[in-house]
Amino acid sequence: MVIVTGNKNKLEEIKKFVDIPVKELDFKEIKANNPVLIALYKAKEAQEKLSEDVIVEDVTMYVNNKFYPDIKVKQNELKEDDYVELVLTIAKSENGKVKIVSRRLKGVIHKDKCQKYDFGFDNVFFVLDKECLGDYKQKHPLRNIYREVYLNDLHYDYIFDLNSIKNWEKDFQNA
């Protein structure tokens, strides 16, 4: 079992807090309006490329209730006090099945209130409008969810059988 990511910053962050093997892999970006489908695709792709069981994750977001599958694109366009939901979706592909769990963090954007972190939304996203994401992650580490997924120690939101979805990629167009 290995955690797979295409984000170098995420790779380093994950390595700091879990003792599960981590590999970097460039993923084909798909256009989907659902974080579960994006994570499912990534899990299937990673397992096929690496020929081993994998854990992948994807972070998507809703800004003022509009879905954005790629948070890097939207981050530069965020405005002060925008309402944001970050959606962390983790998929574990093992023994022909993909198990998926999602967690959401709700908050607002405050661009100049926290300037002590170097990574992603850690400075600008304020969880429940109270503290910046970097501080929140120090108190409520996301690393626990990786361990829970690795150990099968949680309830999954979705379970897919890979054999029953062999041709589903045709539904995703990279237009």
Protein backbone atom coordinates (compact mmCIF):
# COMPACT_ATOMS: atom_id res chain seq x y z
CA MET A 1 0.00 0.00 0.00
CA VAL A 2 1.37 3.40 -0.98
CA ILE A 3 0.03 6.98 -0.85
CA VAL A 4 0.24 8.59 -4.30
CA THR A 5 0.13 12.30 -5.13
CA GLY A 6 1.04 14.52 -8.06
CA ASN A 7 1.68 17.56 -5.86
CA LYS A 8 5.28 18.00 -4.65
CA ASN A 9 4.22 20.20 -1.72
CA LYS A 10 1.59 17.67 -0.65
CA LEU A 11 4.17 14.88 -1.00
CA GLU A 12 6.49 16.62 1.47
CA GLU A 13 3.63 17.46 3.83
CA ILE A 14 2.40 13.85 3.90
CA LYS A 15 5.93 12.49 4.46
CA LYS A 16 6.21 14.63 7.61
CA PHE A 17 3.31 13.02 9.42
CA VAL A 18 2.75 9.46 8.20
CA ASP A 19 5.01 6.46 8.10
CA ILE A 20 3.29 5.00 5.05
CA PRO A 21 5.25 4.91 1.77
CA VAL A 22 4.54 7.92 -0.50
CA LYS A 23 5.16 8.17 -4.25
CA GLU A 24 4.82 11.02 -6.72
CA LEU A 25 2.82 10.40 -9.90
CA ASP A 26 1.48 12.81 -12.51
CA PHE A 27 -2.24 12.24 -13.00
CA LYS A 28 -4.33 12.87 -16.07
CA GLU A 29 -6.63 15.74 -15.09
CA ILE A 30 -10.28 14.93 -15.68
CA LYS A 31 -13.18 17.30 -15.84
CA ALA A 32 -15.92 16.17 -13.52
CA ASN A 33 -18.35 18.05 -11.32
CA ASN A 34 -18.05 15.62 -8.45
CA PRO A 35 -15.08 15.13 -6.09
CA VAL A 36 -15.90 11.42 -5.66
CA LEU A 37 -15.58 10.76 -9.40
CA ILE A 38 -12.26 12.61 -9.55
CA ALA A 39 -10.84 10.57 -6.65
CA LEU A 40 -12.20 7.34 -8.13
CA TYR A 41 -10.48 8.06 -11.45
CA LYS A 42 -7.18 8.90 -9.72
CA ALA A 43 -7.27 5.69 -7.65
CA LYS A 44 -7.93 3.55 -10.71
CA GLU A 45 -5.21 5.31 -12.73
CA ALA A 46 -2.61 5.07 -9.94
CA GLN A 47 -3.29 1.40 -9.31
CA GLU A 48 -3.00 0.60 -13.02
CA LYS A 49 0.26 2.57 -13.43
CA LEU A 50 1.93 1.28 -10.27
CA SER A 51 0.44 -2.23 -10.12
CA GLU A 52 -0.04 -1.99 -6.37
CA ASP A 53 -2.70 -0.96 -3.86
CA VAL A 54 -2.87 2.81 -3.45
CA ILE A 55 -4.30 5.67 -1.46
CA VAL A 56 -4.89 8.90 -3.41
CA GLU A 57 -6.44 12.18 -2.44
CA ASP A 58 -7.94 15.13 -4.19
CA VAL A 59 -8.88 18.54 -2.83
CA THR A 60 -11.69 20.39 -4.55
CA MET A 61 -13.70 23.36 -3.41
CA TYR A 62 -16.94 25.22 -3.58
CA VAL A 63 -16.73 29.03 -3.65
CA ASN A 64 -20.00 30.76 -2.86
CA ASN A 65 -21.66 27.37 -3.61
CA LYS A 66 -20.09 26.97 -7.09
CA PHE A 67 -17.93 23.84 -7.62
CA TYR A 68 -14.26 24.15 -8.67
CA PRO A 69 -12.45 20.86 -9.31
CA ASP A 70 -8.99 22.48 -9.52
CA ILE A 71 -8.24 24.67 -6.52
CA LYS A 72 -5.06 26.12 -8.08
CA VAL A 73 -7.08 27.82 -10.81
CA LYS A 74 -9.48 29.54 -8.45
CA GLN A 75 -7.07 30.50 -5.67
CA ASN A 76 -5.87 33.64 -7.46
CA GLU A 77 -9.44 34.79 -8.08
CA LEU A 78 -10.66 34.54 -4.48
CA LYS A 79 -12.04 37.68 -2.92
CA GLU A 80 -12.06 38.79 0.68
CA ASP A 81 -14.94 37.18 2.61
CA ASP A 82 -15.75 34.59 -0.12
CA TYR A 83 -17.52 31.60 1.46
CA VAL A 84 -15.49 28.44 0.73
CA GLU A 85 -15.89 24.73 1.37
CA LEU A 86 -12.72 22.71 0.89
CA VAL A 87 -13.47 19.05 0.14
CA LEU A 88 -10.75 16.49 0.90
CA THR A 89 -11.61 13.22 -0.84
CA ILE A 90 -9.45 10.16 -0.20
CA ALA A 91 -9.74 6.95 -2.21
CA LYS A 92 -8.16 3.62 -1.33
CA SER A 93 -7.86 1.10 -4.15
CA GLU A 94 -7.31 -2.41 -2.81
CA ASN A 95 -8.30 -5.94 -3.86
CA GLY A 96 -10.35 -4.78 -6.86
CA LYS A 97 -12.37 -2.23 -4.89
CA VAL A 98 -12.10 1.53 -4.40
CA LYS A 99 -13.27 2.86 -1.03
CA ILE A 100 -13.84 6.59 -0.77
CA VAL A 101 -14.28 8.98 2.12
CA SER A 102 -14.75 12.77 1.99
CA ARG A 103 -14.30 15.45 4.63
CA ARG A 104 -15.36 19.09 4.32
CA LEU A 105 -14.04 22.24 5.93
CA LYS A 106 -16.16 25.38 5.77
CA GLY A 107 -14.77 28.86 6.07
CA VAL A 108 -14.11 32.25 4.51
CA ILE A 109 -11.23 33.96 2.78
CA HIS A 110 -9.17 36.59 4.64
CA LYS A 111 -6.12 37.41 2.55
CA ASP A 112 -3.93 39.45 4.91
CA LYS A 113 -4.65 38.07 8.37
CA CYS A 114 -2.22 35.13 8.51
CA GLN A 115 1.16 35.13 6.78
CA LYS A 116 3.16 32.39 8.50
CA TYR A 117 2.62 29.39 6.20
CA ASP A 118 4.05 28.59 2.78
CA PHE A 119 1.56 26.05 1.48
CA GLY A 120 -1.67 26.49 -0.46
CA PHE A 121 -4.66 27.81 1.46
CA ASP A 122 -2.97 27.68 4.87
CA ASN A 123 -2.74 31.51 5.06
CA VAL A 124 -5.97 32.67 3.43
CA PHE A 125 -8.65 30.11 4.34
CA PHE A 126 -10.15 30.69 7.78
CA VAL A 127 -11.98 27.67 9.16
CA LEU A 128 -15.43 28.73 10.37
CA ASP A 129 -14.10 32.31 10.14
CA LYS A 130 -12.02 31.73 13.32
CA GLU A 131 -8.48 30.59 12.51
CA CYS A 132 -6.36 30.16 9.43
CA LEU A 133 -6.13 26.68 7.95
CA GLY A 134 -2.45 26.33 8.87
CA ASP A 135 -3.24 26.86 12.56
CA TYR A 136 -6.29 24.58 12.34
CA LYS A 137 -4.20 21.76 10.85
CA GLN A 138 -1.77 22.06 13.77
CA LYS A 139 -4.60 21.43 16.25
CA HIS A 140 -6.66 18.96 14.18
CA PRO A 141 -4.14 17.07 12.05
CA LEU A 142 -5.42 15.75 8.73
CA ARG A 143 -2.80 13.01 9.06
CA ASN A 144 -5.26 11.03 11.18
CA ILE A 145 -7.52 10.42 8.20
CA TYR A 146 -4.62 8.92 6.20
CA ARG A 147 -3.90 6.49 9.04
CA GLU A 148 -7.59 5.64 9.36
CA VAL A 149 -7.83 4.91 5.62
CA TYR A 150 -4.61 2.89 5.69
CA LEU A 151 -5.83 0.79 8.61
CA ASN A 152 -9.44 0.52 7.35
CA ASP A 153 -10.43 2.14 10.63
CA LEU A 154 -13.35 4.28 9.45
CA HIS A 155 -16.69 4.19 7.69
CA TYR A 156 -16.39 4.78 3.94
CA ASP A 157 -18.88 6.97 2.11
CA TYR A 158 -18.64 4.93 -1.13
CA ILE A 159 -17.29 1.55 -2.26
CA PHE A 160 -16.88 0.74 -5.98
CA ASP A 161 -16.01 -2.55 -7.65
CA LEU A 162 -13.36 -1.85 -10.32
CA ASN A 163 -14.53 -4.74 -12.51
CA SER A 164 -18.01 -3.25 -12.84
CA ILE A 165 -16.73 0.14 -14.03
CA LYS A 166 -14.14 -0.87 -16.64
CA ASN A 167 -15.53 1.37 -19.39
CA TRP A 168 -16.60 4.34 -17.33
CA GLU A 169 -13.69 6.56 -18.48
CA LYS A 170 -15.52 7.30 -21.73
CA ASP A 171 -17.89 9.44 -19.68
CA PHE A 172 -15.07 11.87 -18.93
CA GLN A 173 -14.06 14.14 -21.75
CA ASN A 174 -10.93 16.28 -21.45
CA ALA A 175 -12.30 19.04 -23.67
